[in-house]
Amino acid sequence: MDMINQIGNKKVGLVLGSGSAKGLSHIGVLKLLEEMNIKIDYIAGSSIGAMIGGAYAAGISIKEIEDIALKTDLASSVKYFLPTISKSGLISGVKVKEFLKNVVGDIDIEDLKMPFVATATDIFTGQEIVFNKGNLVEAMRASISVPVIFQPVIHNNQILVDGGLVNPLPINIASKMGAEFIIAVNVMPSLNKTNTNNGKNNNVRMTAFTQEIKSAMQKKLEALNLDYKWIKKLLANKGKYNIPGFKKVLNQSVYITQRKLARLSIELYRPDILIEPDIPFAGFFDFYKAKEIIDIGYKTAQDAFYDNNL
């Protein structure tokens, strides 16, 4: 059956979930939706989903969004995620905020091309904060604030962190916005597949990235006159005790709870189309793997529509 006939006059809501670099697959999904001439009426996003969804709702073409992602190489990743070592987060988020402002400009959510919502979390109350008005960059920056990694955002006297903590796949939000046909993109990985290798090239690039980050952190610790010998000792004993590295621990800590919450959201709210890209090779900061991730998003979306006979 033709997709347009299947949807009819229903208002379409697109839900873009949390998932750090894996969320670049949202770009591939949007590419396919445009090719299929599916008009999106509402977008609800969490974390990386809020970043990509917000840019698209602001009128940035999917081609431009993809070009930006493909230009994010190893050097760019290091620049955006360079540690600052504050008491509330490893990364200040200033560079990321500047990047977002350069992409979407200084615009309010009320003035976007289509209705858009980003979610964040009040770190003290655990309350879900819904951004459906106000500055777009501020909303996106709050939504991506993974605790400990990014410094929280202070907004309306609240301390806000990543929306994925309470609602990594905000299907219910899209429904409340007025969506009658919901397409949800869940990039939460299977736990036993998180962060596996993807070939020699990626291992070499990841090693360079890790060394840049470790070097920057060491310099920051030295500047603060802090003792980092315990870090060296822990790393030295890693093999002996089979202790996972920082990147693996971070990936798993973020994904374990969010994956369960995303699955609960799917079971409770039953989206009309569910797209779940399997991207085991991409870790938290692996934005330089954009091409592979985007391609998987596109192909998975194709398969999802085919499986539903649309």
C-alpha atoms as a PDB file:
ATOM      1  CA  MET A   1       0.000   0.000   0.000  1.00  0.00           C
ATOM      2  CA  ASP A   2       1.238   3.478  -0.831  1.00  0.00           C
ATOM      3  CA  MET A   3       2.668   5.261   2.207  1.00  0.00           C
ATOM      4  CA  ILE A   4       0.784   8.497   1.574  1.00  0.00           C
ATOM      5  CA  ASN A   5      -2.534   6.627   1.354  1.00  0.00           C
ATOM      6  CA  GLN A   6      -1.715   4.758   4.539  1.00  0.00           C
ATOM      7  CA  ILE A   7      -1.211   7.991   6.459  1.00  0.00           C
ATOM      8  CA  GLY A   8      -4.044   9.839   4.739  1.00  0.00           C
ATOM      9  CA  ASN A   9      -4.816  13.141   6.431  1.00  0.00           C
ATOM     10  CA  LYS A  10      -3.292  12.098   9.735  1.00  0.00           C
ATOM     11  CA  LYS A  11      -0.835  14.441  11.438  1.00  0.00           C
ATOM     12  CA  VAL A  12       2.592  12.780  11.505  1.00  0.00           C
ATOM     13  CA  GLY A  13       4.823  12.962  14.553  1.00  0.00           C
ATOM     14  CA  LEU A  14       8.524  12.055  14.404  1.00  0.00           C
ATOM     15  CA  VAL A  15      10.199  10.944  17.640  1.00  0.00           C
ATOM     16  CA  LEU A  16      13.999  11.035  17.690  1.00  0.00           C
ATOM     17  CA  GLY A  17      15.537   9.289  20.672  1.00  0.00           C
ATOM     18  CA  SER A  18      18.677   9.582  22.784  1.00  0.00           C
ATOM     19  CA  GLY A  19      21.855   7.710  21.906  1.00  0.00           C
ATOM     20  CA  SER A  20      24.869  10.036  21.603  1.00  0.00           C
ATOM     21  CA  ALA A  21      26.789   9.440  18.332  1.00  0.00           C
ATOM     22  CA  LYS A  22      24.425   6.602  17.398  1.00  0.00           C
ATOM     23  CA  GLY A  23      21.775   9.287  17.024  1.00  0.00           C
ATOM     24  CA  LEU A  24      23.402  10.441  13.789  1.00  0.00           C
ATOM     25  CA  SER A  25      21.301   7.655  12.289  1.00  0.00           C
ATOM     26  CA  HIS A  26      18.357  10.077  12.656  1.00  0.00           C
ATOM     27  CA  ILE A  27      19.812  11.895   9.658  1.00  0.00           C
ATOM     28  CA  GLY A  28      19.491   8.785   7.516  1.00  0.00           C
ATOM     29  CA  VAL A  29      15.879   8.348   8.636  1.00  0.00           C
ATOM     30  CA  LEU A  30      15.018  11.948   7.731  1.00  0.00           C
ATOM     31  CA  LYS A  31      16.644  11.490   4.315  1.00  0.00           C
ATOM     32  CA  LEU A  32      14.386   8.545   3.569  1.00  0.00           C
ATOM     33  CA  LEU A  33      11.245  10.313   4.845  1.00  0.00           C
ATOM     34  CA  GLU A  34      11.932  13.195   2.477  1.00  0.00           C
ATOM     35  CA  GLU A  35      12.491  10.805  -0.436  1.00  0.00           C
ATOM     36  CA  MET A  36       9.140   9.163   0.379  1.00  0.00           C
ATOM     37  CA  ASN A  37       7.455  12.593   0.489  1.00  0.00           C
ATOM     38  CA  ILE A  38       6.265  12.023   4.041  1.00  0.00           C
ATOM     39  CA  LYS A  39       5.405  15.378   5.591  1.00  0.00           C
ATOM     40  CA  ILE A  40       6.386  15.700   9.238  1.00  0.00           C
ATOM     41  CA  ASP A  41       3.972  17.780  11.321  1.00  0.00           C
ATOM     42  CA  TYR A  42       5.578  17.454  14.768  1.00  0.00           C
ATOM     43  CA  ILE A  43       9.028  16.549  16.104  1.00  0.00           C
ATOM     44  CA  ALA A  44       9.810  15.431  19.657  1.00  0.00           C
ATOM     45  CA  GLY A  45      13.451  14.794  20.505  1.00  0.00           C
ATOM     46  CA  SER A  46      15.637  13.795  23.404  1.00  0.00           C
ATOM     47  CA  SER A  47      19.388  14.475  23.647  1.00  0.00           C
ATOM     48  CA  ILE A  48      21.002  13.900  20.209  1.00  0.00           C
ATOM     49  CA  GLY A  49      17.435  13.547  18.882  1.00  0.00           C
ATOM     50  CA  ALA A  50      16.701  17.049  20.124  1.00  0.00           C
ATOM     51  CA  MET A  51      19.816  18.383  18.386  1.00  0.00           C
ATOM     52  CA  ILE A  52      19.016  16.908  14.989  1.00  0.00           C
ATOM     53  CA  GLY A  53      15.270  17.368  15.310  1.00  0.00           C
ATOM     54  CA  GLY A  54      15.681  20.981  16.417  1.00  0.00           C
ATOM     55  CA  ALA A  55      17.924  21.800  13.469  1.00  0.00           C
ATOM     56  CA  TYR A  56      15.464  20.209  11.048  1.00  0.00           C
ATOM     57  CA  ALA A  57      12.501  22.008  12.616  1.00  0.00           C
ATOM     58  CA  ALA A  58      14.451  25.268  12.267  1.00  0.00           C
ATOM     59  CA  GLY A  59      14.466  24.793   8.505  1.00  0.00           C
ATOM     60  CA  ILE A  60      18.016  23.492   8.093  1.00  0.00           C
ATOM     61  CA  SER A  61      17.876  21.099   5.134  1.00  0.00           C
ATOM     62  CA  ILE A  62      18.677  17.455   5.731  1.00  0.00           C
ATOM     63  CA  LYS A  63      21.433  17.756   3.117  1.00  0.00           C
ATOM     64  CA  GLU A  64      23.032  20.566   5.132  1.00  0.00           C
ATOM     65  CA  ILE A  65      22.667  18.641   8.395  1.00  0.00           C
ATOM     66  CA  GLU A  66      24.298  15.616   6.786  1.00  0.00           C
ATOM     67  CA  ASP A  67      27.140  17.718   5.375  1.00  0.00           C
ATOM     68  CA  ILE A  68      27.840  19.145   8.829  1.00  0.00           C
ATOM     69  CA  ALA A  69      27.900  15.645  10.336  1.00  0.00           C
ATOM     70  CA  LEU A  70      30.237  14.323   7.633  1.00  0.00           C
ATOM     71  CA  LYS A  71      32.657  17.195   8.243  1.00  0.00           C
ATOM     72  CA  THR A  72      32.945  16.285  11.922  1.00  0.00           C
ATOM     73  CA  ASP A  73      36.298  14.529  11.897  1.00  0.00           C
ATOM     74  CA  LEU A  74      38.518  13.375  14.742  1.00  0.00           C
ATOM     75  CA  ALA A  75      39.960  16.863  15.315  1.00  0.00           C
ATOM     76  CA  SER A  76      36.479  18.377  15.576  1.00  0.00           C
ATOM     77  CA  SER A  77      35.390  15.712  18.068  1.00  0.00           C
ATOM     78  CA  VAL A  78      38.370  16.466  20.288  1.00  0.00           C
ATOM     79  CA  LYS A  79      37.643  20.210  20.122  1.00  0.00           C
ATOM     80  CA  TYR A  80      33.985  19.853  21.105  1.00  0.00           C
ATOM     81  CA  PHE A  81      34.611  17.315  23.875  1.00  0.00           C
ATOM     82  CA  LEU A  82      37.784  18.753  25.371  1.00  0.00           C
ATOM     83  CA  PRO A  83      37.589  18.356  29.174  1.00  0.00           C
ATOM     84  CA  THR A  84      37.416  21.447  31.370  1.00  0.00           C
ATOM     85  CA  ILE A  85      37.346  19.680  34.765  1.00  0.00           C
ATOM     86  CA  SER A  86      34.730  21.586  36.716  1.00  0.00           C
ATOM     87  CA  LYS A  87      32.935  20.297  39.785  1.00  0.00           C
ATOM     88  CA  SER A  88      29.768  19.505  37.838  1.00  0.00           C
ATOM     89  CA  GLY A  89      30.991  18.060  34.538  1.00  0.00           C
ATOM     90  CA  LEU A  90      34.023  17.140  32.461  1.00  0.00           C
ATOM     91  CA  ILE A  91      32.923  19.300  29.521  1.00  0.00           C
ATOM     92  CA  SER A  92      31.649  22.861  29.832  1.00  0.00           C
ATOM     93  CA  GLY A  93      29.564  22.626  26.665  1.00  0.00           C
ATOM     94  CA  VAL A  94      30.567  26.143  25.557  1.00  0.00           C
ATOM     95  CA  LYS A  95      32.021  24.909  22.252  1.00  0.00           C
ATOM     96  CA  VAL A  96      28.975  22.751  21.591  1.00  0.00           C
ATOM     97  CA  LYS A  97      26.646  25.666  22.310  1.00  0.00           C
ATOM     98  CA  GLU A  98      28.609  27.889  19.929  1.00  0.00           C
ATOM     99  CA  PHE A  99      28.395  25.170  17.292  1.00  0.00           C
ATOM    100  CA  LEU A 100      24.623  24.848  17.694  1.00  0.00           C
ATOM    101  CA  LYS A 101      24.133  28.607  17.499  1.00  0.00           C
ATOM    102  CA  ASN A 102      26.178  28.758  14.293  1.00  0.00           C
ATOM    103  CA  VAL A 103      23.949  26.065  12.786  1.00  0.00           C
ATOM    104  CA  VAL A 104      20.446  27.217  13.792  1.00  0.00           C
ATOM    105  CA  GLY A 105      21.022  30.853  14.746  1.00  0.00           C
ATOM    106  CA  ASP A 106      19.385  32.724  17.612  1.00  0.00           C
ATOM    107  CA  ILE A 107      15.808  31.502  17.262  1.00  0.00           C
ATOM    108  CA  ASP A 108      12.948  30.625  19.593  1.00  0.00           C
ATOM    109  CA  ILE A 109      11.048  27.345  19.424  1.00  0.00           C
ATOM    110  CA  GLU A 110       7.804  29.243  18.796  1.00  0.00           C
ATOM    111  CA  ASP A 111       9.270  30.591  15.542  1.00  0.00           C
ATOM    112  CA  LEU A 112      10.379  27.256  14.057  1.00  0.00           C
ATOM    113  CA  LYS A 113       9.132  25.896  10.731  1.00  0.00           C
ATOM    114  CA  MET A 114       7.205  23.144  12.537  1.00  0.00           C
ATOM    115  CA  PRO A 115       6.153  22.375  16.137  1.00  0.00           C
ATOM    116  CA  PHE A 116       9.087  20.989  18.094  1.00  0.00           C
ATOM    117  CA  VAL A 117       9.698  19.781  21.642  1.00  0.00           C
ATOM    118  CA  ALA A 118      12.958  18.898  23.398  1.00  0.00           C
ATOM    119  CA  THR A 119      13.081  17.116  26.737  1.00  0.00           C
ATOM    120  CA  ALA A 120      15.450  17.608  29.666  1.00  0.00           C
ATOM    121  CA  THR A 121      15.579  16.434  33.288  1.00  0.00           C
ATOM    122  CA  ASP A 122      15.623  18.386  36.558  1.00  0.00           C
ATOM    123  CA  ILE A 123      18.608  16.775  38.286  1.00  0.00           C
ATOM    124  CA  PHE A 124      17.204  17.377  41.795  1.00  0.00           C
ATOM    125  CA  THR A 125      13.552  16.351  41.362  1.00  0.00           C
ATOM    126  CA  GLY A 126      13.847  13.938  38.442  1.00  0.00           C
ATOM    127  CA  GLN A 127      11.036  15.865  36.769  1.00  0.00           C
ATOM    128  CA  GLU A 128      10.817  15.781  32.989  1.00  0.00           C
ATOM    129  CA  ILE A 129      11.173  19.294  31.585  1.00  0.00           C
ATOM    130  CA  VAL A 130       9.486  19.904  28.233  1.00  0.00           C
ATOM    131  CA  PHE A 131      10.869  22.700  26.081  1.00  0.00           C
ATOM    132  CA  ASN A 132       8.093  23.823  23.738  1.00  0.00           C
ATOM    133  CA  LYS A 133       8.995  27.499  23.818  1.00  0.00           C
ATOM    134  CA  GLY A 134      11.997  29.706  24.458  1.00  0.00           C
ATOM    135  CA  ASN A 135      15.459  29.700  22.932  1.00  0.00           C
ATOM    136  CA  LEU A 136      16.117  26.663  20.736  1.00  0.00           C
ATOM    137  CA  VAL A 137      19.858  26.421  21.434  1.00  0.00           C
ATOM    138  CA  GLU A 138      19.232  26.584  25.175  1.00  0.00           C
ATOM    139  CA  ALA A 139      16.725  23.732  24.864  1.00  0.00           C
ATOM    140  CA  MET A 140      19.075  21.571  22.786  1.00  0.00           C
ATOM    141  CA  ARG A 141      22.009  22.264  25.090  1.00  0.00           C
ATOM    142  CA  ALA A 142      19.944  21.229  28.133  1.00  0.00           C
ATOM    143  CA  SER A 143      18.673  18.091  26.430  1.00  0.00           C
ATOM    144  CA  ILE A 144      22.191  16.787  25.637  1.00  0.00           C
ATOM    145  CA  SER A 145      23.663  17.436  29.096  1.00  0.00           C
ATOM    146  CA  VAL A 146      24.709  13.915  30.035  1.00  0.00           C
ATOM    147  CA  PRO A 147      25.457  14.009  33.798  1.00  0.00           C
ATOM    148  CA  VAL A 148      29.141  14.119  34.767  1.00  0.00           C
ATOM    149  CA  ILE A 149      30.138  14.518  31.102  1.00  0.00           C
ATOM    150  CA  PHE A 150      28.518  17.910  30.421  1.00  0.00           C
ATOM    151  CA  GLN A 151      27.998  20.697  32.900  1.00  0.00           C
ATOM    152  CA  PRO A 152      24.250  21.036  33.637  1.00  0.00           C
ATOM    153  CA  VAL A 153      22.227  23.949  32.287  1.00  0.00           C
ATOM    154  CA  ILE A 154      20.598  26.439  34.655  1.00  0.00           C
ATOM    155  CA  HIS A 155      17.164  27.365  33.309  1.00  0.00           C
ATOM    156  CA  ASN A 156      14.306  29.029  35.206  1.00  0.00           C
ATOM    157  CA  ASN A 157      16.057  28.304  38.509  1.00  0.00           C
ATOM    158  CA  GLN A 158      16.296  24.605  37.660  1.00  0.00           C
ATOM    159  CA  ILE A 159      19.445  22.542  37.118  1.00  0.00           C
ATOM    160  CA  LEU A 160      18.857  20.571  33.939  1.00  0.00           C
ATOM    161  CA  VAL A 161      20.560  17.520  32.467  1.00  0.00           C
ATOM    162  CA  ASP A 162      19.992  15.014  29.650  1.00  0.00           C
ATOM    163  CA  GLY A 163      16.354  14.349  28.743  1.00  0.00           C
ATOM    164  CA  GLY A 164      17.237  10.710  28.192  1.00  0.00           C
ATOM    165  CA  LEU A 165      17.411  10.134  31.948  1.00  0.00           C
ATOM    166  CA  VAL A 166      13.612  10.137  32.211  1.00  0.00           C
ATOM    167  CA  ASN A 167      12.321   9.870  28.644  1.00  0.00           C
ATOM    168  CA  PRO A 168      14.864   8.744  26.018  1.00  0.00           C
ATOM    169  CA  LEU A 169      12.135   8.118  23.427  1.00  0.00           C
ATOM    170  CA  PRO A 170       9.352  10.714  23.995  1.00  0.00           C
ATOM    171  CA  ILE A 171       6.553   9.047  22.033  1.00  0.00           C
ATOM    172  CA  ASN A 172       3.980  10.303  24.544  1.00  0.00           C
ATOM    173  CA  ILE A 173       5.132  13.873  23.963  1.00  0.00           C
ATOM    174  CA  ALA A 174       4.534  13.592  20.207  1.00  0.00           C
ATOM    175  CA  SER A 175       1.064  12.252  20.911  1.00  0.00           C
ATOM    176  CA  LYS A 176       0.310  15.177  23.239  1.00  0.00           C
ATOM    177  CA  MET A 177       1.493  17.575  20.539  1.00  0.00           C
ATOM    178  CA  GLY A 178      -1.300  16.278  18.301  1.00  0.00           C
ATOM    179  CA  ALA A 179       0.367  13.525  16.263  1.00  0.00           C
ATOM    180  CA  GLU A 180      -2.003  10.862  14.958  1.00  0.00           C
ATOM    181  CA  PHE A 181       0.591   8.733  13.153  1.00  0.00           C
ATOM    182  CA  ILE A 182       3.892   8.334  14.994  1.00  0.00           C
ATOM    183  CA  ILE A 183       7.273   7.312  13.596  1.00  0.00           C
ATOM    184  CA  ALA A 184       9.746   6.592  16.414  1.00  0.00           C
ATOM    185  CA  VAL A 185      13.497   6.130  16.023  1.00  0.00           C
ATOM    186  CA  ASN A 186      15.121   4.212  18.874  1.00  0.00           C
ATOM    187  CA  VAL A 187      18.922   3.960  18.712  1.00  0.00           C
ATOM    188  CA  MET A 188      19.459   2.373  22.114  1.00  0.00           C
ATOM    189  CA  PRO A 189      21.717  -0.649  21.463  1.00  0.00           C
ATOM    190  CA  SER A 190      21.472  -4.211  22.631  1.00  0.00           C
ATOM    191  CA  LEU A 191      23.594  -4.341  25.774  1.00  0.00           C
ATOM    192  CA  ASN A 192      25.756  -7.213  24.541  1.00  0.00           C
ATOM    193  CA  LYS A 193      26.588  -5.320  21.341  1.00  0.00           C
ATOM    194  CA  THR A 194      27.636  -1.964  22.701  1.00  0.00           C
ATOM    195  CA  ASN A 195      30.895  -0.519  21.442  1.00  0.00           C
ATOM    196  CA  THR A 196      32.405  -3.439  19.569  1.00  0.00           C
ATOM    197  CA  ASN A 197      35.182  -2.919  17.045  1.00  0.00           C
ATOM    198  CA  ASN A 198      34.519  -1.795  13.503  1.00  0.00           C
ATOM    199  CA  GLY A 199      37.774  -2.503  11.742  1.00  0.00           C
ATOM    200  CA  LYS A 200      41.388  -1.459  12.049  1.00  0.00           C
ATOM    201  CA  ASN A 201      40.876   2.088  10.761  1.00  0.00           C
ATOM    202  CA  ASN A 202      38.367   2.956  13.462  1.00  0.00           C
ATOM    203  CA  ASN A 203      40.601   1.437  16.144  1.00  0.00           C
ATOM    204  CA  VAL A 204      43.491   3.626  15.029  1.00  0.00           C
ATOM    205  CA  ARG A 205      41.312   6.752  15.003  1.00  0.00           C
ATOM    206  CA  MET A 206      39.812   5.903  18.402  1.00  0.00           C
ATOM    207  CA  THR A 207      43.273   5.432  19.878  1.00  0.00           C
ATOM    208  CA  ALA A 208      44.269   8.891  18.658  1.00  0.00           C
ATOM    209  CA  PHE A 209      41.052  10.369  20.051  1.00  0.00           C
ATOM    210  CA  THR A 210      41.536   8.679  23.421  1.00  0.00           C
ATOM    211  CA  GLN A 211      45.135   9.877  23.647  1.00  0.00           C
ATOM    212  CA  GLU A 212      44.066  13.467  22.903  1.00  0.00           C
ATOM    213  CA  ILE A 213      41.429  13.353  25.645  1.00  0.00           C
ATOM    214  CA  LYS A 214      43.737  11.674  28.188  1.00  0.00           C
ATOM    215  CA  SER A 215      46.477  14.198  27.461  1.00  0.00           C
ATOM    216  CA  ALA A 216      44.077  17.118  27.883  1.00  0.00           C
ATOM    217  CA  MET A 217      42.727  15.705  31.155  1.00  0.00           C
ATOM    218  CA  GLN A 218      46.224  15.179  32.527  1.00  0.00           C
ATOM    219  CA  LYS A 219      47.159  18.791  31.749  1.00  0.00           C
ATOM    220  CA  LYS A 220      43.978  20.032  33.428  1.00  0.00           C
ATOM    221  CA  LEU A 221      44.665  17.954  36.525  1.00  0.00           C
ATOM    222  CA  GLU A 222      48.249  19.198  36.672  1.00  0.00           C
ATOM    223  CA  ALA A 223      47.073  22.799  36.315  1.00  0.00           C
ATOM    224  CA  LEU A 224      44.691  22.245  39.224  1.00  0.00           C
ATOM    225  CA  ASN A 225      47.559  20.689  41.196  1.00  0.00           C
ATOM    226  CA  LEU A 226      45.610  17.433  41.629  1.00  0.00           C
ATOM    227  CA  ASP A 227      47.185  14.032  42.150  1.00  0.00           C
ATOM    228  CA  TYR A 228      46.403  11.810  39.172  1.00  0.00           C
ATOM    229  CA  LYS A 229      48.670   8.888  40.176  1.00  0.00           C
ATOM    230  CA  TRP A 230      45.626   6.818  41.154  1.00  0.00           C
ATOM    231  CA  ILE A 231      44.364   7.086  37.563  1.00  0.00           C
ATOM    232  CA  LYS A 232      47.659   5.690  36.245  1.00  0.00           C
ATOM    233  CA  LYS A 233      47.525   2.891  38.806  1.00  0.00           C
ATOM    234  CA  LEU A 234      43.983   1.974  37.812  1.00  0.00           C
ATOM    235  CA  LEU A 235      44.898   1.899  34.124  1.00  0.00           C
ATOM    236  CA  ALA A 236      47.971  -0.218  34.873  1.00  0.00           C
ATOM    237  CA  ASN A 237      45.802  -2.783  36.675  1.00  0.00           C
ATOM    238  CA  LYS A 238      43.096  -2.785  34.015  1.00  0.00           C
ATOM    239  CA  GLY A 239      44.317  -5.961  32.338  1.00  0.00           C
ATOM    240  CA  LYS A 240      45.008  -7.728  35.633  1.00  0.00           C
ATOM    241  CA  TYR A 241      41.476  -7.238  36.956  1.00  0.00           C
ATOM    242  CA  ASN A 242      39.699  -7.130  33.571  1.00  0.00           C
ATOM    243  CA  ILE A 243      38.396  -3.661  34.423  1.00  0.00           C
ATOM    244  CA  PRO A 244      36.626  -2.033  31.450  1.00  0.00           C
ATOM    245  CA  GLY A 245      37.997   1.277  30.203  1.00  0.00           C
ATOM    246  CA  PHE A 246      36.400   4.658  30.820  1.00  0.00           C
ATOM    247  CA  LYS A 247      34.724   4.694  27.400  1.00  0.00           C
ATOM    248  CA  LYS A 248      33.121   1.273  27.920  1.00  0.00           C
ATOM    249  CA  VAL A 249      31.912   2.134  31.431  1.00  0.00           C
ATOM    250  CA  LEU A 250      30.472   5.435  30.195  1.00  0.00           C
ATOM    251  CA  ASN A 251      28.692   3.790  27.258  1.00  0.00           C
ATOM    252  CA  GLN A 252      27.149   1.076  29.400  1.00  0.00           C
ATOM    253  CA  SER A 253      26.153   3.439  32.241  1.00  0.00           C
ATOM    254  CA  VAL A 254      24.288   5.700  29.837  1.00  0.00           C
ATOM    255  CA  TYR A 255      22.708   2.935  27.779  1.00  0.00           C
ATOM    256  CA  ILE A 256      21.548   0.398  30.375  1.00  0.00           C
ATOM    257  CA  THR A 257      18.792   2.472  31.968  1.00  0.00           C
ATOM    258  CA  GLN A 258      17.893   4.442  28.855  1.00  0.00           C
ATOM    259  CA  ARG A 259      17.450   1.296  26.799  1.00  0.00           C
ATOM    260  CA  LYS A 260      14.981  -0.100  29.327  1.00  0.00           C
ATOM    261  CA  LEU A 261      13.085   3.198  29.472  1.00  0.00           C
ATOM    262  CA  ALA A 262      12.945   3.389  25.677  1.00  0.00           C
ATOM    263  CA  ARG A 263      11.590  -0.177  25.513  1.00  0.00           C
ATOM    264  CA  LEU A 264       8.952   0.694  28.121  1.00  0.00           C
ATOM    265  CA  SER A 265       7.924   3.757  26.086  1.00  0.00           C
ATOM    266  CA  ILE A 266       7.558   1.591  22.972  1.00  0.00           C
ATOM    267  CA  GLU A 267       5.408  -0.959  24.803  1.00  0.00           C
ATOM    268  CA  LEU A 268       3.198   1.689  26.422  1.00  0.00           C
ATOM    269  CA  TYR A 269       2.628   4.014  23.474  1.00  0.00           C
ATOM    270  CA  ARG A 270       3.021   1.711  20.452  1.00  0.00           C
ATOM    271  CA  PRO A 271       4.320   3.918  17.611  1.00  0.00           C
ATOM    272  CA  ASP A 272       2.896   3.230  14.148  1.00  0.00           C
ATOM    273  CA  ILE A 273       6.369   2.813  12.694  1.00  0.00           C
ATOM    274  CA  LEU A 274       9.350   1.794  14.849  1.00  0.00           C
ATOM    275  CA  ILE A 275      12.845   2.217  13.426  1.00  0.00           C
ATOM    276  CA  GLU A 276      15.697   0.686  15.457  1.00  0.00           C
ATOM    277  CA  PRO A 277      19.138   1.032  13.836  1.00  0.00           C
ATOM    278  CA  ASP A 278      21.668  -1.483  15.156  1.00  0.00           C
ATOM    279  CA  ILE A 279      24.977   0.388  15.524  1.00  0.00           C
ATOM    280  CA  PRO A 280      27.212  -1.678  17.834  1.00  0.00           C
ATOM    281  CA  PHE A 281      30.452  -0.128  16.555  1.00  0.00           C
ATOM    282  CA  ALA A 282      29.706   3.459  17.609  1.00  0.00           C
ATOM    283  CA  GLY A 283      30.616   4.611  21.096  1.00  0.00           C
ATOM    284  CA  PHE A 284      29.537   7.724  22.952  1.00  0.00           C
ATOM    285  CA  PHE A 285      31.906  10.200  21.242  1.00  0.00           C
ATOM    286  CA  ASP A 286      32.233   8.504  17.837  1.00  0.00           C
ATOM    287  CA  PHE A 287      30.757  11.338  15.793  1.00  0.00           C
ATOM    288  CA  TYR A 288      33.549  10.933  13.265  1.00  0.00           C
ATOM    289  CA  LYS A 289      31.886   7.691  12.131  1.00  0.00           C
ATOM    290  CA  ALA A 290      28.998   9.717  10.714  1.00  0.00           C
ATOM    291  CA  LYS A 291      28.832   8.178   7.250  1.00  0.00           C
ATOM    292  CA  GLU A 292      28.506   4.603   8.449  1.00  0.00           C
ATOM    293  CA  ILE A 293      25.946   5.582  11.098  1.00  0.00           C
ATOM    294  CA  ILE A 294      23.809   7.678   8.722  1.00  0.00           C
ATOM    295  CA  ASP A 295      23.801   4.897   6.122  1.00  0.00           C
ATOM    296  CA  ILE A 296      22.558   2.389   8.696  1.00  0.00           C
ATOM    297  CA  GLY A 297      19.780   4.788   9.748  1.00  0.00           C
ATOM    298  CA  TYR A 298      18.654   5.114   6.131  1.00  0.00           C
ATOM    299  CA  LYS A 299      18.731   1.373   5.443  1.00  0.00           C
ATOM    300  CA  THR A 300      16.963   0.501   8.711  1.00  0.00           C
ATOM    301  CA  ALA A 301      14.204   3.008   7.934  1.00  0.00           C
ATOM    302  CA  GLN A 302      13.763   1.408   4.501  1.00  0.00           C
ATOM    303  CA  ASP A 303      13.449  -2.012   6.122  1.00  0.00           C
ATOM    304  CA  ALA A 304      10.952  -0.728   8.704  1.00  0.00           C
ATOM    305  CA  PHE A 305       8.608   0.665   6.059  1.00  0.00           C
ATOM    306  CA  TYR A 306       8.975  -2.479   3.939  1.00  0.00           C
ATOM    307  CA  ASP A 307       8.184  -4.725   6.913  1.00  0.00           C
ATOM    308  CA  ASN A 308       5.004  -2.725   7.507  1.00  0.00           C
ATOM    309  CA  ASN A 309       4.009  -3.016   3.833  1.00  0.00           C
ATOM    310  CA  LEU A 310       4.106   0.746   3.459  1.00  0.00           C
END
